Amino acid sequence: MKLFRKIIIKLFKIVSLVLSIGLIAVFIYIIPMLWKRIYTYPKLEKARSDLQAKYKKPIQYIQKTDYKGVLHAHSYWSHDSRGVIEEILPAAKKANLDFIFLSDHAHSQLDSFPRSYHGIYDNVIIEAGTEKSGLMVTPMKDTVLNWNQPKDSLIKQVVNDGGLVLYVHTEEKHDWANPDYQAMEIYNIHTDFKDEEDDLLPFVVNSVINGYTYKHWGMREIFDKQTVILARWDSINKFRKVVGMAAVDAHNNQNIRARYTDDGMVEWVGPNAKQLSLVEPGWKEKLLMGEPDAGGWGFKFELDTYFHSFNFVNTHVFSDTFSNKNIKENLVKGHAFIAFESLADAKGFQYYATDIENNVNAIMGDSISTGSIKQIQVISPLPVHFKLIRNGEVIDTKDNVYEYKYDIKNKAGNYRMEAFLNYNNKLIPWIYTNPIYIHNNL
């Protein structure tokens, strides 16, 4: 009996030691996340607040309206999303979006339009589109697309019929020499996230510890400037105009959720909108589930909400009217810039060219001769570090200013602008504009 008691005590001590070591290891592992919650993220919040205090509403020089929106987003029509309008629209309103161009996955090789959501919902334009074979295709009309035809033929057909075709996931291979596609992603959240996929645990643990309050800063930690993609874009623009845009690639699908079905069962749904189980309500359902939200979910643990994707990066389009077709037309013209909105609201930012009398005669995306332009100018609602890029090379910089002017001195080229915010003495990319194309007089 004494021997047995000694063995039990010994085992208890061993188990206690192992548990203690495990708890210490867990605590050491989460210390950086806790530090972010109590110091790093509040410091970033203060930096953003301090920046916002420096806001100056610019004079409107571009005689078009700046509409802010997102491209490349998914709804329930995609096999890997359950997103419904009751979730999408509130997120869009909270992020102050004017438009959403969806890119749902096709259900078959014969792809019908419109489907999913299409129209104006509480002053937010939602346009139907498809993501397939490295393309985002938005026909802009009732039609059926045949994906059995060669890709080049499909691109040409859509463009000739007044639609939009852009290359998505531009980290992958594409036919860059195709003459008909109109735009390409110069930033995509999913593309940026790929280098995190092999080690998701820190991202998940950080999300659990810092929750909804600081989720935007947790998402910012995935950011890497897409230098290879930007260099490719600059290279292509030396030969022909291709518009740069941002992609949120929003699915709202990296989560665990549960909902009551019509027959009283509970469906558990995991990552990529896959059903995990369909069960009768048990103790865990009674413990975890509450009243269904607007989307019908009684329990949610989300890593990628629609709002945080919509608020991460936007495409601003200067358009004549608030309509799907006019926004599309001005996007294709390149009257657009992308902005990382979770850092700061970019409304008011303008990039344009002026003549010798300082009249605006071109904006981003436009083509103009050297004889018609004296300067390129930029105005920002916040003080920024400007980088002027000509044909892919940085040719000038200016730090901590609201306005920037550059005399081109009859030098032809494609001139685009990058603007960086100063966060705690660190310059962070905020805005990439489309180029102004300046050519020699004919």
Protein backbone atom coordinates (compact mmCIF):
# COMPACT_ATOMS: atom_id res chain seq x y z
CA MET A 1 0.00 0.00 0.00
CA LYS A 2 2.83 2.38 0.90
CA LEU A 3 4.56 1.60 -2.41
CA PHE A 4 1.36 2.28 -4.33
CA ARG A 5 0.92 5.57 -2.49
CA LYS A 6 4.50 6.55 -3.30
CA ILE A 7 3.92 5.76 -6.97
CA ILE A 8 0.72 7.87 -7.04
CA ILE A 9 2.51 10.79 -5.36
CA LYS A 10 5.40 10.44 -7.81
CA LEU A 11 3.05 10.40 -10.79
CA PHE A 12 1.16 13.40 -9.41
CA LYS A 13 4.40 15.35 -9.09
CA ILE A 14 5.44 14.41 -12.63
CA VAL A 15 2.05 15.40 -14.08
CA SER A 16 2.10 18.65 -12.09
CA LEU A 17 5.60 19.42 -13.34
CA VAL A 18 4.63 18.70 -16.94
CA LEU A 19 1.49 20.85 -16.65
CA SER A 20 3.47 23.64 -15.02
CA ILE A 21 6.07 23.56 -17.76
CA GLY A 22 3.30 23.53 -20.37
CA LEU A 23 1.54 26.51 -18.78
CA ILE A 24 4.79 28.42 -18.56
CA ALA A 25 5.53 27.63 -22.22
CA VAL A 26 2.05 28.80 -23.24
CA PHE A 27 2.44 31.98 -21.21
CA ILE A 28 5.84 32.70 -22.76
CA TYR A 29 4.34 32.06 -26.23
CA ILE A 30 1.46 34.50 -25.72
CA ILE A 31 3.51 37.24 -24.02
CA PRO A 32 4.14 39.01 -27.39
CA MET A 33 0.39 38.97 -28.16
CA LEU A 34 -0.45 40.32 -24.70
CA TRP A 35 2.17 43.03 -25.16
CA LYS A 36 0.51 44.01 -28.43
CA ARG A 37 -2.83 44.34 -26.63
CA ILE A 38 -1.56 46.50 -23.78
CA TYR A 39 1.10 48.52 -25.63
CA THR A 40 1.73 48.05 -29.37
CA TYR A 41 -1.83 48.33 -30.68
CA PRO A 42 -2.89 51.19 -28.34
CA LYS A 43 0.25 53.04 -29.47
CA LEU A 44 -0.78 52.52 -33.10
CA GLU A 45 -4.30 53.71 -32.29
CA LYS A 46 -2.83 56.88 -30.80
CA ALA A 47 -0.62 57.37 -33.86
CA ARG A 48 -3.68 57.11 -36.09
CA SER A 49 -5.58 59.56 -33.89
CA ASP A 50 -2.63 61.97 -33.99
CA LEU A 51 -2.55 61.69 -37.78
CA GLN A 52 -6.27 62.34 -38.04
CA ALA A 53 -5.81 65.51 -35.99
CA LYS A 54 -3.61 66.79 -38.83
CA TYR A 55 -6.39 66.37 -41.40
CA LYS A 56 -6.90 69.28 -43.79
CA LYS A 57 -9.74 69.10 -46.27
CA PRO A 58 -8.19 69.76 -49.71
CA ILE A 59 -9.61 71.99 -52.39
CA GLN A 60 -11.31 69.86 -55.03
CA TYR A 61 -9.23 70.25 -58.20
CA ILE A 62 -10.40 67.10 -60.00
CA GLN A 63 -13.85 67.75 -61.38
CA LYS A 64 -15.11 64.25 -60.78
CA THR A 65 -16.44 62.58 -57.63
CA ASP A 66 -14.23 60.20 -55.67
CA TYR A 67 -16.15 56.95 -55.15
CA LYS A 68 -14.57 54.45 -52.79
CA GLY A 69 -15.13 50.73 -53.17
CA VAL A 70 -13.78 47.22 -53.38
CA LEU A 71 -13.20 44.76 -56.18
CA HIS A 72 -12.79 40.98 -56.02
CA ALA A 73 -15.23 39.99 -53.27
CA HIS A 74 -17.29 36.84 -52.80
CA SER A 75 -20.81 35.99 -51.65
CA TYR A 76 -22.85 32.82 -51.10
CA TRP A 77 -22.73 32.22 -54.86
CA SER A 78 -19.12 31.09 -54.45
CA HIS A 79 -18.53 27.52 -53.25
CA ASP A 80 -16.20 28.78 -50.52
CA SER A 81 -18.38 31.51 -49.00
CA ARG A 82 -21.70 31.75 -47.17
CA GLY A 83 -21.85 35.55 -47.33
CA VAL A 84 -25.31 37.08 -47.63
CA ILE A 85 -26.45 40.65 -48.14
CA GLU A 86 -27.40 40.91 -44.45
CA GLU A 87 -23.68 40.58 -43.65
CA ILE A 88 -22.15 42.26 -46.70
CA LEU A 89 -24.17 45.47 -46.69
CA PRO A 90 -23.67 46.50 -43.03
CA ALA A 91 -19.93 45.89 -43.45
CA ALA A 92 -19.91 48.01 -46.61
CA LYS A 93 -21.79 50.84 -44.88
CA LYS A 94 -19.47 50.74 -41.87
CA ALA A 95 -16.44 50.92 -44.20
CA ASN A 96 -18.07 53.85 -46.10
CA LEU A 97 -18.04 52.01 -49.42
CA ASP A 98 -19.82 53.31 -52.50
CA PHE A 99 -19.44 50.16 -54.62
CA ILE A 100 -18.61 46.46 -54.49
CA PHE A 101 -17.67 44.51 -57.61
CA LEU A 102 -18.18 40.84 -56.79
CA SER A 103 -16.10 38.04 -58.29
CA ASP A 104 -18.01 34.89 -57.39
CA HIS A 105 -16.82 31.53 -58.62
CA ALA A 106 -18.70 30.11 -61.60
CA HIS A 107 -21.11 27.22 -61.07
CA SER A 108 -20.49 25.75 -64.51
CA GLN A 109 -18.76 26.44 -67.82
CA LEU A 110 -21.88 28.28 -68.94
CA ASP A 111 -21.87 31.30 -66.63
CA SER A 112 -25.10 33.31 -66.43
CA PHE A 113 -25.50 36.98 -65.44
CA PRO A 114 -26.78 38.65 -63.40
CA ARG A 115 -26.79 36.42 -60.32
CA SER A 116 -26.08 36.67 -56.61
CA TYR A 117 -26.41 40.40 -55.87
CA HIS A 118 -26.73 43.04 -58.55
CA GLY A 119 -28.06 46.58 -58.19
CA ILE A 120 -28.04 49.43 -55.67
CA TYR A 121 -28.54 48.46 -52.03
CA ASP A 122 -28.95 51.37 -49.60
CA ASN A 123 -26.75 53.59 -51.82
CA VAL A 124 -24.09 50.92 -52.34
CA ILE A 125 -23.62 49.66 -55.90
CA ILE A 126 -23.11 45.90 -56.07
CA GLU A 127 -22.10 44.46 -59.45
CA ALA A 128 -21.98 40.77 -60.33
CA GLY A 129 -18.82 39.20 -61.69
CA THR A 130 -16.87 35.95 -61.91
CA GLU A 131 -13.41 34.86 -60.79
CA LYS A 132 -12.11 32.01 -62.90
CA SER A 133 -8.85 30.99 -64.58
CA GLY A 134 -6.91 33.97 -63.25
CA LEU A 135 -9.51 36.46 -64.45
CA MET A 136 -12.13 38.66 -62.85
CA VAL A 137 -14.81 39.15 -65.47
CA THR A 138 -17.66 41.65 -65.10
CA PRO A 139 -19.90 41.63 -68.21
CA MET A 140 -22.05 44.62 -67.06
CA LYS A 141 -25.13 43.17 -68.75
CA ASP A 142 -27.47 40.17 -68.90
CA THR A 143 -25.57 37.43 -70.69
CA VAL A 144 -24.17 33.92 -70.60
CA LEU A 145 -20.40 33.49 -70.80
CA ASN A 146 -18.98 30.31 -72.25
CA TRP A 147 -15.79 29.38 -70.39
CA ASN A 148 -15.16 26.52 -72.83
CA GLN A 149 -13.83 28.99 -75.38
CA PRO A 150 -10.16 30.04 -75.36
CA LYS A 151 -9.34 32.58 -72.67
CA ASP A 152 -8.18 35.19 -75.21
CA SER A 153 -11.49 34.91 -77.05
CA LEU A 154 -13.50 35.30 -73.84
CA ILE A 155 -11.49 38.37 -72.78
CA LYS A 156 -11.96 40.00 -76.17
CA GLN A 157 -15.69 39.20 -76.20
CA VAL A 158 -16.33 40.74 -72.77
CA VAL A 159 -14.27 43.86 -73.46
CA ASN A 160 -15.85 44.43 -76.87
CA ASP A 161 -19.30 44.10 -75.28
CA GLY A 162 -18.53 46.85 -72.76
CA GLY A 163 -17.49 44.68 -69.83
CA LEU A 164 -14.54 44.65 -67.47
CA VAL A 165 -11.70 42.10 -67.45
CA LEU A 166 -8.83 42.21 -65.03
CA TYR A 167 -6.09 39.82 -64.01
CA VAL A 168 -6.33 38.53 -60.43
CA HIS A 169 -3.69 36.86 -58.26
CA THR A 170 -0.95 38.52 -60.25
CA GLU A 171 1.71 36.69 -58.27
CA GLU A 172 0.81 33.78 -60.57
CA LYS A 173 1.48 33.28 -64.29
CA HIS A 174 -0.60 35.22 -66.82
CA ASP A 175 -0.45 36.05 -70.50
CA TRP A 176 0.88 39.54 -69.86
CA ALA A 177 1.12 40.23 -73.59
CA ASN A 178 -2.62 39.82 -74.13
CA PRO A 179 -3.76 43.11 -75.69
CA ASP A 180 -7.31 43.20 -74.33
CA TYR A 181 -7.39 42.84 -70.53
CA GLN A 182 -7.84 46.24 -68.94
CA ALA A 183 -6.56 46.04 -65.38
CA MET A 184 -4.59 43.97 -62.89
CA GLU A 185 -4.32 43.61 -59.15
CA ILE A 186 -1.35 45.51 -57.77
CA TYR A 187 -2.33 44.40 -54.27
CA ASN A 188 -4.43 41.46 -53.05
CA ILE A 189 -4.97 40.61 -49.37
CA HIS A 190 -4.90 36.86 -50.06
CA THR A 191 -1.72 37.19 -52.12
CA ASP A 192 -0.11 39.01 -49.21
CA PHE A 193 -1.35 36.38 -46.76
CA LYS A 194 0.18 33.45 -48.62
CA ASP A 195 3.54 33.74 -46.91
CA GLU A 196 1.74 33.40 -43.55
CA GLU A 197 -0.16 30.21 -44.47
CA ASP A 198 2.61 27.84 -43.38
CA ASP A 199 2.44 29.19 -39.83
CA LEU A 200 -1.10 30.32 -39.09
CA LEU A 201 -0.99 29.66 -35.35
CA PRO A 202 0.48 33.04 -34.31
CA PHE A 203 -2.14 34.84 -36.42
CA VAL A 204 -4.98 32.80 -34.91
CA VAL A 205 -3.73 33.14 -31.31
CA ASN A 206 -3.20 36.87 -31.78
CA SER A 207 -6.74 37.19 -33.13
CA VAL A 208 -8.14 35.34 -30.10
CA ILE A 209 -6.23 37.48 -27.60
CA ASN A 210 -6.77 40.83 -29.28
CA GLY A 211 -10.26 40.16 -30.54
CA TYR A 212 -12.43 42.42 -32.66
CA THR A 213 -11.10 45.65 -31.14
CA TYR A 214 -7.63 45.34 -32.63
CA LYS A 215 -8.32 42.97 -35.52
CA HIS A 216 -7.35 45.63 -38.07
CA TRP A 217 -3.86 45.90 -36.60
CA GLY A 218 -3.52 42.13 -36.55
CA MET A 219 -4.39 42.06 -40.24
CA ARG A 220 -1.90 44.85 -40.95
CA GLU A 221 0.89 42.57 -39.74
CA ILE A 222 0.53 40.43 -42.86
CA PHE A 223 1.36 43.43 -45.06
CA ASP A 224 4.33 43.24 -47.39
CA LYS A 225 4.78 45.66 -50.26
CA GLN A 226 4.23 43.66 -53.44
CA THR A 227 7.43 44.86 -55.10
CA VAL A 228 7.58 42.13 -57.76
CA ILE A 229 3.98 42.78 -58.82
CA LEU A 230 4.49 46.56 -58.85
CA ALA A 231 7.63 46.16 -60.96
CA ARG A 232 5.74 43.96 -63.41
CA TRP A 233 2.94 46.53 -63.61
CA ASP A 234 5.44 49.32 -64.31
CA SER A 235 7.09 47.19 -66.99
CA ILE A 236 3.79 46.48 -68.76
CA ASN A 237 2.84 50.15 -68.69
CA LYS A 238 5.93 50.98 -70.71
CA PHE A 239 4.28 49.26 -73.67
CA ARG A 240 0.58 49.74 -73.10
CA LYS A 241 -1.83 51.03 -70.50
CA VAL A 242 -2.94 48.57 -67.81
CA VAL A 243 -4.84 49.94 -64.83
CA GLY A 244 -3.77 49.02 -61.28
CA MET A 245 -6.42 48.19 -58.70
CA ALA A 246 -6.67 46.60 -55.24
CA ALA A 247 -8.38 43.34 -54.33
CA VAL A 248 -9.87 42.51 -50.94
CA ASP A 249 -10.60 38.90 -51.99
CA ALA A 250 -13.18 38.89 -49.20
CA HIS A 251 -14.95 35.60 -48.47
CA ASN A 252 -15.70 35.90 -44.74
CA ASN A 253 -14.84 32.20 -44.59
CA GLN A 254 -11.87 31.78 -42.28
CA ASN A 255 -14.02 31.11 -39.26
CA ILE A 256 -16.03 28.63 -37.26
CA ARG A 257 -19.77 29.29 -37.15
CA ALA A 258 -22.96 27.56 -36.19
CA ARG A 259 -26.61 28.11 -37.11
CA TYR A 260 -29.96 26.51 -36.45
CA THR A 261 -31.50 24.90 -39.53
CA ASP A 262 -35.20 25.02 -40.33
CA ASP A 263 -35.69 21.53 -38.93
CA GLY A 264 -34.10 22.38 -35.57
CA MET A 265 -30.68 20.89 -36.21
CA VAL A 266 -27.42 22.80 -35.78
CA GLU A 267 -25.00 23.14 -38.69
CA TRP A 268 -21.36 23.77 -37.81
CA VAL A 269 -19.39 25.42 -40.61
CA GLY A 270 -15.60 25.73 -40.72
CA PRO A 271 -12.93 27.32 -42.92
CA ASN A 272 -13.76 27.80 -46.61
CA ALA A 273 -17.46 27.51 -45.76
CA LYS A 274 -17.27 23.71 -45.45
CA GLN A 275 -19.82 21.95 -43.31
CA LEU A 276 -18.16 20.37 -40.28
CA SER A 277 -21.24 18.64 -38.87
CA LEU A 278 -25.01 18.67 -38.73
CA VAL A 279 -26.15 17.67 -35.24
CA GLU A 280 -29.02 17.85 -32.82
CA PRO A 281 -28.53 20.64 -30.26
CA GLY A 282 -26.44 19.38 -27.35
CA TRP A 283 -24.66 20.84 -24.36
CA LYS A 284 -22.02 22.68 -26.43
CA GLU A 285 -24.66 24.26 -28.67
CA LYS A 286 -26.66 25.39 -25.61
CA LEU A 287 -23.49 26.76 -24.04
CA LEU A 288 -22.05 28.54 -27.08
CA MET A 289 -24.98 29.65 -29.21
CA GLY A 290 -27.04 32.78 -28.75
CA GLU A 291 -29.71 34.55 -30.73
CA PRO A 292 -29.08 34.42 -34.49
CA ASP A 293 -27.48 37.52 -35.97
CA ALA A 294 -28.56 39.20 -39.21
CA GLY A 295 -26.84 36.44 -41.20
CA GLY A 296 -28.53 33.69 -39.20
CA TRP A 297 -25.48 32.64 -37.16
CA GLY A 298 -25.87 31.84 -33.47
CA PHE A 299 -22.14 31.36 -32.91
CA LYS A 300 -19.17 32.91 -34.71
CA PHE A 301 -15.43 32.95 -34.33
CA GLU A 302 -14.11 34.92 -37.29
CA LEU A 303 -10.62 35.73 -38.54
CA ASP A 304 -11.65 37.58 -41.72
CA THR A 305 -14.84 39.58 -41.36
CA TYR A 306 -16.27 41.42 -44.34
CA PHE A 307 -15.76 44.74 -42.57
CA HIS A 308 -12.07 44.22 -41.84
CA SER A 309 -11.44 43.14 -45.43
CA PHE A 310 -13.49 46.04 -46.82
CA ASN A 311 -11.68 48.51 -44.58
CA PHE A 312 -8.17 47.14 -45.24
CA VAL A 313 -7.60 48.36 -48.80
CA ASN A 314 -9.86 50.20 -51.25
CA THR A 315 -9.88 51.35 -54.84
CA HIS A 316 -10.91 54.99 -55.29
CA VAL A 317 -12.42 55.82 -58.68
CA PHE A 318 -13.02 59.38 -59.90
CA SER A 319 -16.31 59.12 -61.75
CA ASP A 320 -18.77 61.49 -63.40
CA THR A 321 -21.89 59.81 -62.04
CA PHE A 322 -22.86 57.27 -59.42
CA SER A 323 -23.57 54.29 -61.64
CA ASN A 324 -22.03 50.88 -62.17
CA LYS A 325 -21.20 51.61 -65.80
CA ASN A 326 -19.65 55.02 -65.17
CA ILE A 327 -17.53 53.75 -62.30
CA LYS A 328 -16.40 50.87 -64.52
CA GLU A 329 -15.62 53.23 -67.42
CA ASN A 330 -13.53 55.54 -65.24
CA LEU A 331 -11.75 52.60 -63.65
CA VAL A 332 -10.76 51.39 -67.12
CA LYS A 333 -9.51 54.90 -67.91
CA GLY A 334 -7.24 54.65 -64.89
CA HIS A 335 -8.92 57.48 -62.99
CA ALA A 336 -8.16 55.60 -59.79
CA PHE A 337 -5.80 55.03 -56.91
CA ILE A 338 -5.61 52.41 -54.18
CA ALA A 339 -5.43 53.24 -50.48
CA PHE A 340 -4.90 51.24 -47.32
CA GLU A 341 -7.87 52.68 -45.48
CA SER A 342 -7.32 51.01 -42.11
CA LEU A 343 -4.36 53.38 -41.76
CA ALA A 344 -6.30 56.53 -42.67
CA ASP A 345 -9.20 57.69 -44.82
CA ALA A 346 -7.88 58.78 -48.22
CA LYS A 347 -10.86 60.88 -49.36
CA GLY A 348 -9.54 64.16 -50.71
CA PHE A 349 -6.32 62.77 -52.19
CA GLN A 350 -5.83 63.96 -55.79
CA TYR A 351 -3.15 63.48 -58.46
CA TYR A 352 -3.29 65.54 -61.64
CA ALA A 353 -1.37 67.52 -64.26
CA THR A 354 -1.46 71.25 -64.93
CA ASP A 355 -0.59 73.53 -67.84
CA ILE A 356 1.51 76.71 -67.75
CA GLU A 357 -1.48 78.64 -66.33
CA ASN A 358 -1.91 76.04 -63.54
CA ASN A 359 -5.17 74.69 -64.98
CA VAL A 360 -5.84 70.99 -64.48
CA ASN A 361 -5.67 69.30 -67.88
CA ALA A 362 -5.15 65.62 -66.98
CA ILE A 363 -5.65 63.29 -64.03
CA MET A 364 -4.27 59.88 -63.16
CA GLY A 365 -4.88 57.48 -66.04
CA ASP A 366 -4.91 60.18 -68.70
CA SER A 367 -2.44 60.53 -71.55
CA ILE A 368 -1.09 63.98 -72.41
CA SER A 369 1.71 65.44 -74.50
CA THR A 370 4.81 67.07 -73.05
CA GLY A 371 3.87 70.31 -74.81
CA SER A 372 0.56 70.53 -72.94
CA ILE A 373 1.82 69.95 -69.43
CA LYS A 374 4.04 71.97 -67.12
CA GLN A 375 3.73 70.16 -63.80
CA ILE A 376 2.30 67.15 -62.11
CA GLN A 377 0.76 67.92 -58.75
CA VAL A 378 -0.56 66.01 -55.75
CA ILE A 379 -2.64 67.13 -52.83
CA SER A 380 -3.26 65.03 -49.73
CA PRO A 381 -5.60 65.48 -46.74
CA LEU A 382 -2.76 64.30 -44.47
CA PRO A 383 0.98 65.03 -44.41
CA VAL A 384 2.82 62.29 -46.28
CA HIS A 385 6.13 61.23 -47.73
CA PHE A 386 5.79 61.39 -51.52
CA LYS A 387 7.67 59.22 -54.00
CA LEU A 388 7.41 60.10 -57.68
CA ILE A 389 8.02 57.10 -59.94
CA ARG A 390 8.77 57.43 -63.64
CA ASN A 391 8.83 54.26 -65.76
CA GLY A 392 9.33 52.19 -62.60
CA GLU A 393 12.17 54.28 -61.14
CA VAL A 394 11.95 56.66 -58.18
CA ILE A 395 13.02 60.07 -59.48
CA ASP A 396 12.01 62.40 -56.64
CA THR A 397 10.83 62.38 -53.02
CA LYS A 398 9.46 64.91 -50.57
CA ASP A 399 8.76 64.34 -46.90
CA ASN A 400 5.97 65.38 -44.51
CA VAL A 401 3.98 67.66 -46.82
CA TYR A 402 0.37 68.02 -47.91
CA GLU A 403 1.15 69.14 -51.45
CA TYR A 404 3.70 68.22 -54.08
CA LYS A 405 4.63 69.73 -57.45
CA TYR A 406 7.09 68.52 -60.03
CA ASP A 407 8.11 70.23 -63.26
CA ILE A 408 8.47 67.50 -65.90
CA LYS A 409 10.74 69.62 -68.13
CA ASN A 410 9.45 67.97 -71.32
CA LYS A 411 10.46 64.50 -70.16
CA ALA A 412 8.06 61.88 -71.48
CA GLY A 413 7.22 58.81 -69.40
CA ASN A 414 4.67 57.17 -67.16
CA TYR A 415 4.53 59.06 -63.87
CA ARG A 416 2.83 57.53 -60.85
CA MET A 417 2.85 58.51 -57.20
CA GLU A 418 3.27 56.60 -53.95
CA ALA A 419 2.37 58.22 -50.62
CA PHE A 420 3.61 56.99 -47.25
CA LEU A 421 2.30 57.78 -43.77
CA ASN A 422 4.60 58.24 -40.80
CA TYR A 423 3.52 55.85 -38.05
CA ASN A 424 5.76 56.10 -34.99
CA ASN A 425 8.74 57.18 -37.12
CA LYS A 426 8.20 54.42 -39.64
CA LEU A 427 7.08 55.14 -43.21
CA ILE A 428 4.20 52.87 -44.24
CA PRO A 429 2.75 52.67 -47.80
CA TRP A 430 -0.67 54.32 -47.88
CA ILE A 431 -1.54 55.19 -51.49
CA TYR A 432 -0.51 54.02 -54.97
CA THR A 433 -1.89 56.04 -57.88
CA ASN A 434 -2.29 55.03 -61.49
CA PRO A 435 0.17 56.80 -63.82
CA ILE A 436 -0.26 59.92 -65.83
CA TYR A 437 1.05 58.97 -69.29
CA ILE A 438 3.14 61.78 -70.74
CA HIS A 439 4.24 61.39 -74.35
CA ASN A 440 6.30 63.45 -76.76
CA ASN A 441 4.50 65.82 -79.12
CA LEU A 442 3.53 64.19 -82.39
